[in-house]
């Protein structure tokens, strides 16, 4: 039966530790590359267009007496857009949106 010397055991332990560290560094690098290089998935900023004449949205916006009522129409959404520096690599847009919009806003024109 052959016994290994203390030096050979230390070398095996050292190689195992170096292997675990190398695998960890590679995993971290792969995750970093995945998040850093996958940009471009933020939707374009929305643009506003006037409501077509004869639609409920157009009629609500033109209520007499200076009072206006707005309600979300078909395709409405609410969201946010934040421009941030990502891991010192560059600027990215963080965007969140939802179409689950309900409610109304009433206002009066002044002036």
PDB file of N, CA and C in Angstrom:
ATOM      1  N   UNK A   1       0.841  -1.164   0.000  1.00  0.00           N
ATOM      2  CA  UNK A   1       0.000   0.000   0.000  1.00  0.00           C
ATOM      3  C   UNK A   1       0.894   1.238   0.000  1.00  0.00           C
ATOM      4  N   UNK A   2       0.633   2.136  -0.927  1.00  0.00           N
ATOM      5  CA  UNK A   2       1.472   3.325  -1.067  1.00  0.00           C
ATOM      6  C   UNK A   2       0.791   4.505  -0.372  1.00  0.00           C
ATOM      7  N   UNK A   3       1.573   5.180   0.425  1.00  0.00           N
ATOM      8  CA  UNK A   3       1.085   6.394   1.099  1.00  0.00           C
ATOM      9  C   UNK A   3       1.677   7.599   0.380  1.00  0.00           C
ATOM     10  N   UNK A   4       0.848   8.661   0.283  1.00  0.00           N
ATOM     11  CA  UNK A   4       1.376   9.852  -0.364  1.00  0.00           C
ATOM     12  C   UNK A   4       2.085  10.733   0.661  1.00  0.00           C
ATOM     13  N   UNK A   5       3.056  11.403   0.162  1.00  0.00           N
ATOM     14  CA  UNK A   5       3.828  12.274   1.047  1.00  0.00           C
ATOM     15  C   UNK A   5       3.024  13.540   1.350  1.00  0.00           C
ATOM     16  N   UNK A   6       3.348  14.236   2.409  1.00  0.00           N
ATOM     17  CA  UNK A   6       2.645  15.484   2.728  1.00  0.00           C
ATOM     18  C   UNK A   6       2.758  16.509   1.611  1.00  0.00           C
ATOM     19  N   UNK A   7       3.874  16.527   0.901  1.00  0.00           N
ATOM     20  CA  UNK A   7       4.037  17.489  -0.199  1.00  0.00           C
ATOM     21  C   UNK A   7       3.060  17.203  -1.332  1.00  0.00           C
ATOM     22  N   UNK A   8       2.879  15.941  -1.673  1.00  0.00           N
ATOM     23  CA  UNK A   8       1.957  15.631  -2.766  1.00  0.00           C
ATOM     24  C   UNK A   8       0.508  15.919  -2.368  1.00  0.00           C
ATOM     25  N   UNK A   9       0.154  15.725  -1.102  1.00  0.00           N
ATOM     26  CA  UNK A   9      -1.198  16.070  -0.643  1.00  0.00           C
ATOM     27  C   UNK A   9      -1.410  17.577  -0.720  1.00  0.00           C
ATOM     28  N   UNK A  10      -0.427  18.348  -0.331  1.00  0.00           N
ATOM     29  CA  UNK A  10      -0.543  19.812  -0.401  1.00  0.00           C
ATOM     30  C   UNK A  10      -0.708  20.279  -1.839  1.00  0.00           C
ATOM     31  N   UNK A  11       0.026  19.653  -2.744  1.00  0.00           N
ATOM     32  CA  UNK A  11      -0.103  20.028  -4.158  1.00  0.00           C
ATOM     33  C   UNK A  11      -1.509  19.729  -4.679  1.00  0.00           C
ATOM     34  N   UNK A  12      -2.053  18.574  -4.297  1.00  0.00           N
ATOM     35  CA  UNK A  12      -3.419  18.228  -4.733  1.00  0.00           C
ATOM     36  C   UNK A  12      -4.440  19.202  -4.163  1.00  0.00           C
ATOM     37  N   UNK A  13      -4.289  19.556  -2.896  1.00  0.00           N
ATOM     38  CA  UNK A  13      -5.216  20.514  -2.271  1.00  0.00           C
ATOM     39  C   UNK A  13      -5.081  21.870  -2.954  1.00  0.00           C
ATOM     40  N   UNK A  14      -3.843  22.288  -3.203  1.00  0.00           N
ATOM     41  CA  UNK A  14      -3.618  23.578  -3.867  1.00  0.00           C
ATOM     42  C   UNK A  14      -4.237  23.574  -5.261  1.00  0.00           C
ATOM     43  N   UNK A  15      -4.060  22.508  -6.025  1.00  0.00           N
ATOM     44  CA  UNK A  15      -4.660  22.425  -7.359  1.00  0.00           C
ATOM     45  C   UNK A  15      -6.182  22.443  -7.281  1.00  0.00           C
ATOM     46  N   UNK A  16      -6.743  21.775  -6.294  1.00  0.00           N
ATOM     47  CA  UNK A  16      -8.204  21.767  -6.135  1.00  0.00           C
ATOM     48  C   UNK A  16      -8.711  23.172  -5.815  1.00  0.00           C
ATOM     49  N   UNK A  17      -8.018  23.876  -4.926  1.00  0.00           N
ATOM     50  CA  UNK A  17      -8.433  25.240  -4.568  1.00  0.00           C
ATOM     51  C   UNK A  17      -8.313  26.156  -5.778  1.00  0.00           C
ATOM     52  N   UNK A  18      -7.216  26.049  -6.501  1.00  0.00           N
ATOM     53  CA  UNK A  18      -7.038  26.873  -7.709  1.00  0.00           C
ATOM     54  C   UNK A  18      -8.120  26.547  -8.729  1.00  0.00           C
ATOM     55  N   UNK A  19      -8.483  25.286  -8.879  1.00  0.00           N
ATOM     56  CA  UNK A  19      -9.550  24.897  -9.807  1.00  0.00           C
ATOM     57  C   UNK A  19     -10.892  25.478  -9.412  1.00  0.00           C
ATOM     58  N   UNK A  20     -11.225  25.428  -8.120  1.00  0.00           N
ATOM     59  CA  UNK A  20     -12.505  25.989  -7.658  1.00  0.00           C
ATOM     60  C   UNK A  20     -12.532  27.492  -7.880  1.00  0.00           C
ATOM     61  N   UNK A  21     -11.450  28.182  -7.572  1.00  0.00           N
ATOM     62  CA  UNK A  21     -11.382  29.630  -7.780  1.00  0.00           C
ATOM     63  C   UNK A  21     -11.504  29.952  -9.269  1.00  0.00           C
ATOM     64  N   UNK A  22     -10.823  29.199 -10.116  1.00  0.00           N
ATOM     65  CA  UNK A  22     -10.900  29.441 -11.557  1.00  0.00           C
ATOM     66  C   UNK A  22     -12.319  29.249 -12.081  1.00  0.00           C
ATOM     67  N   UNK A  23     -12.995  28.208 -11.628  1.00  0.00           N
ATOM     68  CA  UNK A  23     -14.385  27.983 -12.052  1.00  0.00           C
ATOM     69  C   UNK A  23     -15.268  29.144 -11.579  1.00  0.00           C
ATOM     70  N   UNK A  24     -15.056  29.618 -10.355  1.00  0.00           N
ATOM     71  CA  UNK A  24     -15.829  30.758  -9.844  1.00  0.00           C
ATOM     72  C   UNK A  24     -15.600  32.020 -10.650  1.00  0.00           C
ATOM     73  N   UNK A  25     -14.341  32.298 -10.988  1.00  0.00           N
ATOM     74  CA  UNK A  25     -14.023  33.487 -11.792  1.00  0.00           C
ATOM     75  C   UNK A  25     -14.652  33.365 -13.173  1.00  0.00           C
ATOM     76  N   UNK A  26     -14.580  32.210 -13.787  1.00  0.00           N
ATOM     77  CA  UNK A  26     -15.200  32.014 -15.104  1.00  0.00           C
ATOM     78  C   UNK A  26     -16.714  32.171 -15.046  1.00  0.00           C
ATOM     79  N   UNK A  27     -17.340  31.640 -14.010  1.00  0.00           N
ATOM     80  CA  UNK A  27     -18.800  31.778 -13.871  1.00  0.00           C
ATOM     81  C   UNK A  27     -19.180  33.243 -13.690  1.00  0.00           C
ATOM     82  N   UNK A  28     -18.443  33.964 -12.843  1.00  0.00           N
ATOM     83  CA  UNK A  28     -18.725  35.384 -12.644  1.00  0.00           C
ATOM     84  C   UNK A  28     -18.527  36.150 -13.955  1.00  0.00           C
ATOM     85  N   UNK A  29     -17.455  35.858 -14.680  1.00  0.00           N
ATOM     86  CA  UNK A  29     -17.205  36.529 -15.956  1.00  0.00           C
ATOM     87  C   UNK A  29     -18.293  36.247 -16.979  1.00  0.00           C
ATOM     88  N   UNK A  30     -18.771  35.022 -17.024  1.00  0.00           N
ATOM     89  CA  UNK A  30     -19.843  34.677 -17.966  1.00  0.00           C
ATOM     90  C   UNK A  30     -21.134  35.405 -17.612  1.00  0.00           C
ATOM     91  N   UNK A  31     -21.459  35.470 -16.329  1.00  0.00           N
ATOM     92  CA  UNK A  31     -22.672  36.185 -15.908  1.00  0.00           C
ATOM     93  C   UNK A  31     -22.540  37.669 -16.206  1.00  0.00           C
ATOM     94  N   UNK A  32     -21.382  38.239 -15.940  1.00  0.00           N
ATOM     95  CA  UNK A  32     -21.154  39.654 -16.218  1.00  0.00           C
ATOM     96  C   UNK A  32     -21.292  39.930 -17.713  1.00  0.00           C
ATOM     97  N   UNK A  33     -20.680  39.105 -18.552  1.00  0.00           N
ATOM     98  CA  UNK A  33     -20.774  39.285 -19.996  1.00  0.00           C
ATOM     99  C   UNK A  33     -22.212  39.150 -20.478  1.00  0.00           C
ATOM    100  N   UNK A  34     -22.957  38.207 -19.918  1.00  0.00           N
ATOM    101  CA  UNK A  34     -24.354  38.029 -20.313  1.00  0.00           C
ATOM    102  C   UNK A  34     -25.146  39.302 -20.067  1.00  0.00           C
ATOM    103  N   UNK A  35     -25.037  39.898 -18.890  1.00  0.00           N
ATOM    104  CA  UNK A  35     -25.809  41.097 -18.576  1.00  0.00           C
ATOM    105  C   UNK A  35     -25.258  42.337 -19.274  1.00  0.00           C
ATOM    106  N   UNK A  36     -23.955  42.439 -19.433  1.00  0.00           N
ATOM    107  CA  UNK A  36     -23.361  43.628 -20.038  1.00  0.00           C
ATOM    108  C   UNK A  36     -23.574  43.676 -21.548  1.00  0.00           C
ATOM    109  N   UNK A  37     -23.606  42.536 -22.192  1.00  0.00           N
ATOM    110  CA  UNK A  37     -23.670  42.517 -23.649  1.00  0.00           C
ATOM    111  C   UNK A  37     -25.060  42.280 -24.212  1.00  0.00           C
ATOM    112  N   UNK A  38     -26.054  42.132 -23.376  1.00  0.00           N
ATOM    113  CA  UNK A  38     -27.395  41.850 -23.900  1.00  0.00           C
ATOM    114  C   UNK A  38     -28.241  43.100 -24.066  1.00  0.00           C
ATOM    115  N   UNK A  39     -27.674  44.283 -23.989  1.00  0.00           N
ATOM    116  CA  UNK A  39     -28.412  45.543 -24.077  1.00  0.00           C
ATOM    117  C   UNK A  39     -29.243  45.649 -25.345  1.00  0.00           C
ATOM    118  N   UNK A  40     -30.000  46.723 -25.425  1.00  0.00           N
ATOM    119  CA  UNK A  40     -30.819  46.963 -26.603  1.00  0.00           C
ATOM    120  C   UNK A  40     -32.204  46.375 -26.519  1.00  0.00           C
ATOM    121  N   UNK A  41     -32.610  45.854 -25.365  1.00  0.00           N
ATOM    122  CA  UNK A  41     -33.934  45.261 -25.274  1.00  0.00           C
ATOM    123  C   UNK A  41     -34.971  46.225 -24.697  1.00  0.00           C
ATOM    124  N   UNK A  42     -34.579  47.456 -24.389  1.00  0.00           N
ATOM    125  CA  UNK A  42     -35.532  48.437 -23.867  1.00  0.00           C
ATOM    126  C   UNK A  42     -36.435  48.912 -25.008  1.00  0.00           C
ATOM    127  N   UNK A  43     -37.745  48.995 -24.767  1.00  0.00           N
ATOM    128  CA  UNK A  43     -38.637  49.488 -25.816  1.00  0.00           C
ATOM    129  C   UNK A  43     -38.379  50.961 -26.098  1.00  0.00           C
ATOM    130  N   UNK A  44     -38.725  51.390 -27.283  1.00  0.00           N
ATOM    131  CA  UNK A  44     -38.555  52.794 -27.660  1.00  0.00           C
ATOM    132  C   UNK A  44     -39.444  53.675 -26.788  1.00  0.00           C
ATOM    133  N   UNK A  45     -39.025  54.917 -26.537  1.00  0.00           N
ATOM    134  CA  UNK A  45     -39.887  55.817 -25.774  1.00  0.00           C
ATOM    135  C   UNK A  45     -41.215  56.028 -26.499  1.00  0.00           C
ATOM    136  N   UNK A  46     -42.305  56.161 -25.749  1.00  0.00           N
ATOM    137  CA  UNK A  46     -43.604  56.346 -26.404  1.00  0.00           C
ATOM    138  C   UNK A  46     -43.718  57.733 -27.014  1.00  0.00           C
ATOM    139  N   UNK A  47     -44.574  57.847 -27.991  1.00  0.00           N
ATOM    140  CA  UNK A  47     -44.881  59.156 -28.571  1.00  0.00           C
ATOM    141  C   UNK A  47     -46.379  59.381 -28.435  1.00  0.00           C
ATOM    142  N   UNK A  48     -46.759  60.618 -28.258  1.00  0.00           N
ATOM    143  CA  UNK A  48     -48.169  60.957 -28.079  1.00  0.00           C
ATOM    144  C   UNK A  48     -48.734  61.521 -29.374  1.00  0.00           C
ATOM    145  N   UNK A  49     -49.895  61.068 -29.724  1.00  0.00           N
ATOM    146  CA  UNK A  49     -50.601  61.570 -30.894  1.00  0.00           C
ATOM    147  C   UNK A  49     -51.982  62.018 -30.438  1.00  0.00           C
ATOM    148  N   UNK A  50     -52.547  63.070 -31.059  1.00  0.00           N
ATOM    149  CA  UNK A  50     -53.887  63.490 -30.667  1.00  0.00           C
ATOM    150  C   UNK A  50     -54.917  62.399 -30.965  1.00  0.00           C
ATOM    151  N   UNK A  51     -55.934  62.326 -30.121  1.00  0.00           N
ATOM    152  CA  UNK A  51     -57.003  61.346 -30.330  1.00  0.00           C
ATOM    153  C   UNK A  51     -57.790  61.710 -31.584  1.00  0.00           C
ATOM    154  N   UNK A  52     -58.130  60.714 -32.398  1.00  0.00           N
ATOM    155  CA  UNK A  52     -58.928  60.997 -33.595  1.00  0.00           C
ATOM    156  C   UNK A  52     -60.289  61.591 -33.213  1.00  0.00           C
ATOM    157  N   UNK A  53     -60.792  62.508 -34.040  1.00  0.00           N
ATOM    158  CA  UNK A  53     -62.095  63.143 -33.787  1.00  0.00           C
ATOM    159  C   UNK A  53     -63.186  62.080 -33.732  1.00  0.00           C
ATOM    160  N   UNK A  54     -64.122  62.284 -32.855  1.00  0.00           N
ATOM    161  CA  UNK A  54     -65.247  61.367 -32.732  1.00  0.00           C
ATOM    162  C   UNK A  54     -65.006  60.217 -31.776  1.00  0.00           C
ATOM    163  N   UNK A  55     -63.821  60.106 -31.221  1.00  0.00           N
ATOM    164  CA  UNK A  55     -63.553  59.042 -30.258  1.00  0.00           C
ATOM    165  C   UNK A  55     -63.903  59.539 -28.864  1.00  0.00           C
ATOM    166  N   UNK A  56     -64.197  58.632 -27.936  1.00  0.00           N
ATOM    167  CA  UNK A  56     -64.509  59.067 -26.570  1.00  0.00           C
ATOM    168  C   UNK A  56     -63.388  59.883 -25.938  1.00  0.00           C
ATOM    169  N   UNK A  57     -62.142  59.560 -26.259  1.00  0.00           N
ATOM    170  CA  UNK A  57     -61.028  60.311 -25.686  1.00  0.00           C
ATOM    171  C   UNK A  57     -61.040  61.752 -26.164  1.00  0.00           C
ATOM    172  N   UNK A  58     -61.312  61.972 -27.457  1.00  0.00           N
ATOM    173  CA  UNK A  58     -61.345  63.328 -27.998  1.00  0.00           C
ATOM    174  C   UNK A  58     -62.527  64.104 -27.418  1.00  0.00           C
ATOM    175  N   UNK A  59     -63.677  63.459 -27.279  1.00  0.00           N
ATOM    176  CA  UNK A  59     -64.844  64.141 -26.730  1.00  0.00           C
ATOM    177  C   UNK A  59     -64.638  64.491 -25.260  1.00  0.00           C
ATOM    178  N   UNK A  60     -64.009  63.610 -24.496  1.00  0.00           N
ATOM    179  CA  UNK A  60     -63.764  63.902 -23.083  1.00  0.00           C
ATOM    180  C   UNK A  60     -62.798  65.062 -22.933  1.00  0.00           C
ATOM    181  N   UNK A  61     -61.800  65.137 -23.799  1.00  0.00           N
ATOM    182  CA  UNK A  61     -60.810  66.201 -23.694  1.00  0.00           C
ATOM    183  C   UNK A  61     -61.403  67.552 -24.051  1.00  0.00           C
ATOM    184  N   UNK A  62     -62.526  67.586 -24.776  1.00  0.00           N
ATOM    185  CA  UNK A  62     -63.122  68.837 -25.222  1.00  0.00           C
ATOM    186  C   UNK A  62     -64.442  69.118 -24.507  1.00  0.00           C
ATOM    187  N   UNK A  63     -64.570  68.740 -23.252  1.00  0.00           N
ATOM    188  CA  UNK A  63     -65.814  68.962 -22.504  1.00  0.00           C
ATOM    189  C   UNK A  63     -66.040  70.462 -22.309  1.00  0.00           C
ATOM    190  N   UNK A  64     -67.309  70.924 -22.344  1.00  0.00           N
ATOM    191  CA  UNK A  64     -67.597  72.351 -22.185  1.00  0.00           C
ATOM    192  C   UNK A  64     -67.321  72.836 -20.752  1.00  0.00           C
ATOM    193  N   UNK A  65     -67.168  74.122 -20.596  1.00  0.00           N
ATOM    194  CA  UNK A  65     -66.986  74.718 -19.277  1.00  0.00           C
ATOM    195  C   UNK A  65     -65.562  74.651 -18.761  1.00  0.00           C
ATOM    196  N   UNK A  66     -64.627  74.264 -19.574  1.00  0.00           N
ATOM    197  CA  UNK A  66     -63.237  74.215 -19.146  1.00  0.00           C
ATOM    198  C   UNK A  66     -62.881  72.988 -18.329  1.00  0.00           C
ATOM    199  N   UNK A  67     -63.877  72.101 -18.068  1.00  0.00           N
ATOM    200  CA  UNK A  67     -63.593  70.874 -17.316  1.00  0.00           C
ATOM    201  C   UNK A  67     -63.198  69.783 -18.289  1.00  0.00           C
ATOM    202  N   UNK A  68     -62.154  69.076 -17.946  1.00  0.00           N
ATOM    203  CA  UNK A  68     -61.697  67.989 -18.808  1.00  0.00           C
ATOM    204  C   UNK A  68     -61.573  66.720 -17.989  1.00  0.00           C
ATOM    205  N   UNK A  69     -61.961  65.621 -18.578  1.00  0.00           N
ATOM    206  CA  UNK A  69     -61.876  64.312 -17.943  1.00  0.00           C
ATOM    207  C   UNK A  69     -61.061  63.414 -18.848  1.00  0.00           C
ATOM    208  N   UNK A  70     -60.050  62.799 -18.267  1.00  0.00           N
ATOM    209  CA  UNK A  70     -59.228  61.860 -19.025  1.00  0.00           C
ATOM    210  C   UNK A  70     -59.367  60.473 -18.417  1.00  0.00           C
ATOM    211  N   UNK A  71     -59.575  59.496 -19.270  1.00  0.00           N
ATOM    212  CA  UNK A  71     -59.592  58.094 -18.838  1.00  0.00           C
ATOM    213  C   UNK A  71     -58.674  57.311 -19.775  1.00  0.00           C
ATOM    214  N   UNK A  72     -58.059  56.259 -19.287  1.00  0.00           N
ATOM    215  CA  UNK A  72     -57.174  55.488 -20.168  1.00  0.00           C
ATOM    216  C   UNK A  72     -57.961  54.789 -21.267  1.00  0.00           C
ATOM    217  N   UNK A  73     -57.464  54.867 -22.474  1.00  0.00           N
ATOM    218  CA  UNK A  73     -58.102  54.226 -23.613  1.00  0.00           C
ATOM    219  C   UNK A  73     -57.425  52.912 -23.949  1.00  0.00           C
ATOM    220  N   UNK A  74     -57.880  52.297 -25.029  1.00  0.00           N
ATOM    221  CA  UNK A  74     -57.309  51.042 -25.499  1.00  0.00           C
ATOM    222  C   UNK A  74     -55.825  51.230 -25.802  1.00  0.00           C
ATOM    223  N   UNK A  75     -54.990  50.337 -25.325  1.00  0.00           N
ATOM    224  CA  UNK A  75     -53.554  50.406 -25.581  1.00  0.00           C
ATOM    225  C   UNK A  75     -52.793  51.319 -24.633  1.00  0.00           C
ATOM    226  N   UNK A  76     -53.469  51.872 -23.614  1.00  0.00           N
ATOM    227  CA  UNK A  76     -52.785  52.733 -22.647  1.00  0.00           C
ATOM    228  C   UNK A  76     -51.859  51.912 -21.765  1.00  0.00           C
ATOM    229  N   UNK A  77     -50.813  52.547 -21.304  1.00  0.00           N
ATOM    230  CA  UNK A  77     -49.909  51.903 -20.356  1.00  0.00           C
ATOM    231  C   UNK A  77     -49.280  52.977 -19.482  1.00  0.00           C
ATOM    232  N   UNK A  78     -48.735  52.537 -18.386  1.00  0.00           N
ATOM    233  CA  UNK A  78     -47.995  53.419 -17.492  1.00  0.00           C
ATOM    234  C   UNK A  78     -46.634  52.771 -17.267  1.00  0.00           C
ATOM    235  N   UNK A  79     -45.629  53.604 -17.077  1.00  0.00           N
ATOM    236  CA  UNK A  79     -44.307  53.028 -16.901  1.00  0.00           C
ATOM    237  C   UNK A  79     -43.289  54.054 -16.469  1.00  0.00           C
ATOM    238  N   UNK A  80     -42.058  53.599 -16.434  1.00  0.00           N
ATOM    239  CA  UNK A  80     -40.943  54.470 -16.089  1.00  0.00           C
ATOM    240  C   UNK A  80     -39.752  54.123 -16.966  1.00  0.00           C
ATOM    241  N   UNK A  81     -38.856  55.056 -17.084  1.00  0.00           N
ATOM    242  CA  UNK A  81     -37.610  54.866 -17.834  1.00  0.00           C
ATOM    243  C   UNK A  81     -36.513  55.575 -17.058  1.00  0.00           C
ATOM    244  N   UNK A  82     -35.460  54.829 -16.714  1.00  0.00           N
ATOM    245  CA  UNK A  82     -34.337  55.376 -15.965  1.00  0.00           C
ATOM    246  C   UNK A  82     -33.067  55.108 -16.748  1.00  0.00           C
ATOM    247  N   UNK A  83     -32.320  56.153 -17.021  1.00  0.00           N
ATOM    248  CA  UNK A  83     -31.022  56.001 -17.690  1.00  0.00           C
ATOM    249  C   UNK A  83     -29.968  55.875 -16.598  1.00  0.00           C
ATOM    250  N   UNK A  84     -29.192  54.790 -16.642  1.00  0.00           N
ATOM    251  CA  UNK A  84     -28.215  54.548 -15.583  1.00  0.00           C
ATOM    252  C   UNK A  84     -26.924  53.998 -16.161  1.00  0.00           C
ATOM    253  N   UNK A  85     -25.838  54.188 -15.405  1.00  0.00           N
ATOM    254  CA  UNK A  85     -24.572  53.604 -15.796  1.00  0.00           C
ATOM    255  C   UNK A  85     -24.532  52.187 -15.245  1.00  0.00           C
ATOM    256  N   UNK A  86     -24.277  51.231 -16.119  1.00  0.00           N
ATOM    257  CA  UNK A  86     -24.304  49.832 -15.739  1.00  0.00           C
ATOM    258  C   UNK A  86     -22.890  49.315 -15.577  1.00  0.00           C
ATOM    259  N   UNK A  87     -22.509  49.012 -14.355  1.00  0.00           N
ATOM    260  CA  UNK A  87     -21.229  48.372 -14.041  1.00  0.00           C
ATOM    261  C   UNK A  87     -20.042  49.057 -14.710  1.00  0.00           C
ATOM    262  N   UNK A  88     -20.101  50.353 -14.803  1.00  0.00           N
ATOM    263  CA  UNK A  88     -19.027  51.169 -15.398  1.00  0.00           C
ATOM    264  C   UNK A  88     -18.716  50.788 -16.834  1.00  0.00           C
ATOM    265  N   UNK A  89     -19.663  50.156 -17.498  1.00  0.00           N
ATOM    266  CA  UNK A  89     -19.455  49.778 -18.898  1.00  0.00           C
ATOM    267  C   UNK A  89     -20.067  50.812 -19.820  1.00  0.00           C
ATOM    268  N   UNK A  90     -21.217  51.323 -19.462  1.00  0.00           N
ATOM    269  CA  UNK A  90     -21.884  52.302 -20.302  1.00  0.00           C
ATOM    270  C   UNK A  90     -23.295  52.561 -19.802  1.00  0.00           C
ATOM    271  N   UNK A  91     -23.962  53.459 -20.483  1.00  0.00           N
ATOM    272  CA  UNK A  91     -25.306  53.852 -20.102  1.00  0.00           C
ATOM    273  C   UNK A  91     -26.326  52.877 -20.699  1.00  0.00           C
ATOM    274  N   UNK A  92     -27.302  52.495 -19.896  1.00  0.00           N
ATOM    275  CA  UNK A  92     -28.385  51.621 -20.331  1.00  0.00           C
ATOM    276  C   UNK A  92     -29.700  52.205 -19.830  1.00  0.00           C
ATOM    277  N   UNK A  93     -30.798  51.829 -20.465  1.00  0.00           N
ATOM    278  CA  UNK A  93     -32.131  52.243 -20.034  1.00  0.00           C
ATOM    279  C   UNK A  93     -32.783  51.110 -19.265  1.00  0.00           C
ATOM    280  N   UNK A  94     -33.198  51.395 -18.041  1.00  0.00           N
ATOM    281  CA  UNK A  94     -34.003  50.454 -17.267  1.00  0.00           C
ATOM    282  C   UNK A  94     -35.451  50.883 -17.466  1.00  0.00           C
ATOM    283  N   UNK A  95     -36.277  49.973 -17.990  1.00  0.00           N
ATOM    284  CA  UNK A  95     -37.651  50.319 -18.355  1.00  0.00           C
ATOM    285  C   UNK A  95     -38.611  49.340 -17.713  1.00  0.00           C
ATOM    286  N   UNK A  96     -39.711  49.868 -17.173  1.00  0.00           N
ATOM    287  CA  UNK A  96     -40.788  49.034 -16.649  1.00  0.00           C
ATOM    288  C   UNK A  96     -42.110  49.569 -17.151  1.00  0.00           C
ATOM    289  N   UNK A  97     -42.995  48.686 -17.585  1.00  0.00           N
ATOM    290  CA  UNK A  97     -44.306  49.105 -18.106  1.00  0.00           C
ATOM    291  C   UNK A  97     -45.375  48.098 -17.710  1.00  0.00           C
ATOM    292  N   UNK A  98     -46.614  48.599 -17.616  1.00  0.00           N
ATOM    293  CA  UNK A  98     -47.768  47.733 -17.432  1.00  0.00           C
ATOM    294  C   UNK A  98     -48.967  48.329 -18.170  1.00  0.00           C
ATOM    295  N   UNK A  99     -49.800  47.462 -18.691  1.00  0.00           N
ATOM    296  CA  UNK A  99     -51.036  47.879 -19.356  1.00  0.00           C
ATOM    297  C   UNK A  99     -52.238  47.817 -18.431  1.00  0.00           C
ATOM    298  N   UNK A 100     -52.028  47.433 -17.178  1.00  0.00           N
ATOM    299  CA  UNK A 100     -53.116  47.339 -16.199  1.00  0.00           C
ATOM    300  C   UNK A 100     -53.396  48.733 -15.628  1.00  0.00           C
ATOM    301  N   UNK A 101     -53.994  49.601 -16.433  1.00  0.00           N
ATOM    302  CA  UNK A 101     -54.232  50.991 -16.055  1.00  0.00           C
ATOM    303  C   UNK A 101     -55.727  51.216 -15.910  1.00  0.00           C
ATOM    304  N   UNK A 102     -56.129  51.730 -14.767  1.00  0.00           N
ATOM    305  CA  UNK A 102     -57.533  52.097 -14.536  1.00  0.00           C
ATOM    306  C   UNK A 102     -57.565  53.454 -13.856  1.00  0.00           C
ATOM    307  N   UNK A 103     -58.716  54.110 -13.885  1.00  0.00           N
ATOM    308  CA  UNK A 103     -58.884  55.381 -13.191  1.00  0.00           C
ATOM    309  C   UNK A 103     -59.225  56.500 -14.143  1.00  0.00           C
ATOM    310  N   UNK A 104     -59.270  57.713 -13.615  1.00  0.00           N
ATOM    311  CA  UNK A 104     -59.548  58.895 -14.419  1.00  0.00           C
ATOM    312  C   UNK A 104     -58.956  60.117 -13.741  1.00  0.00           C
ATOM    313  N   UNK A 105     -58.818  61.178 -14.513  1.00  0.00           N
ATOM    314  CA  UNK A 105     -58.319  62.463 -14.006  1.00  0.00           C
ATOM    315  C   UNK A 105     -59.253  63.536 -14.491  1.00  0.00           C
ATOM    316  N   UNK A 106     -59.675  64.424 -13.604  1.00  0.00           N
ATOM    317  CA  UNK A 106     -60.518  65.558 -13.955  1.00  0.00           C
ATOM    318  C   UNK A 106     -59.762  66.832 -13.645  1.00  0.00           C
ATOM    319  N   UNK A 107     -59.788  67.754 -14.571  1.00  0.00           N
ATOM    320  CA  UNK A 107     -59.111  69.027 -14.357  1.00  0.00           C
ATOM    321  C   UNK A 107     -59.885  70.163 -14.984  1.00  0.00           C
ATOM    322  N   UNK A 108     -59.597  71.381 -14.558  1.00  0.00           N
ATOM    323  CA  UNK A 108     -60.224  72.561 -15.135  1.00  0.00           C
ATOM    324  C   UNK A 108     -59.142  73.428 -15.750  1.00  0.00           C
ATOM    325  N   UNK A 109     -59.478  74.038 -16.866  1.00  0.00           N
ATOM    326  CA  UNK A 109     -58.538  74.919 -17.543  1.00  0.00           C
ATOM    327  C   UNK A 109     -58.537  76.266 -16.838  1.00  0.00           C
ATOM    328  N   UNK A 110     -57.363  76.803 -16.625  1.00  0.00           N
ATOM    329  CA  UNK A 110     -57.276  78.128 -16.023  1.00  0.00           C
ATOM    330  C   UNK A 110     -56.656  79.078 -17.017  1.00  0.00           C
ATOM    331  N   UNK A 111     -56.967  80.297 -16.854  1.00  0.00           N
ATOM    332  CA  UNK A 111     -56.294  81.237 -17.726  1.00  0.00           C
ATOM    333  C   UNK A 111     -57.205  82.114 -18.382  1.00  0.00           C
TER     334      UNK A 111
END
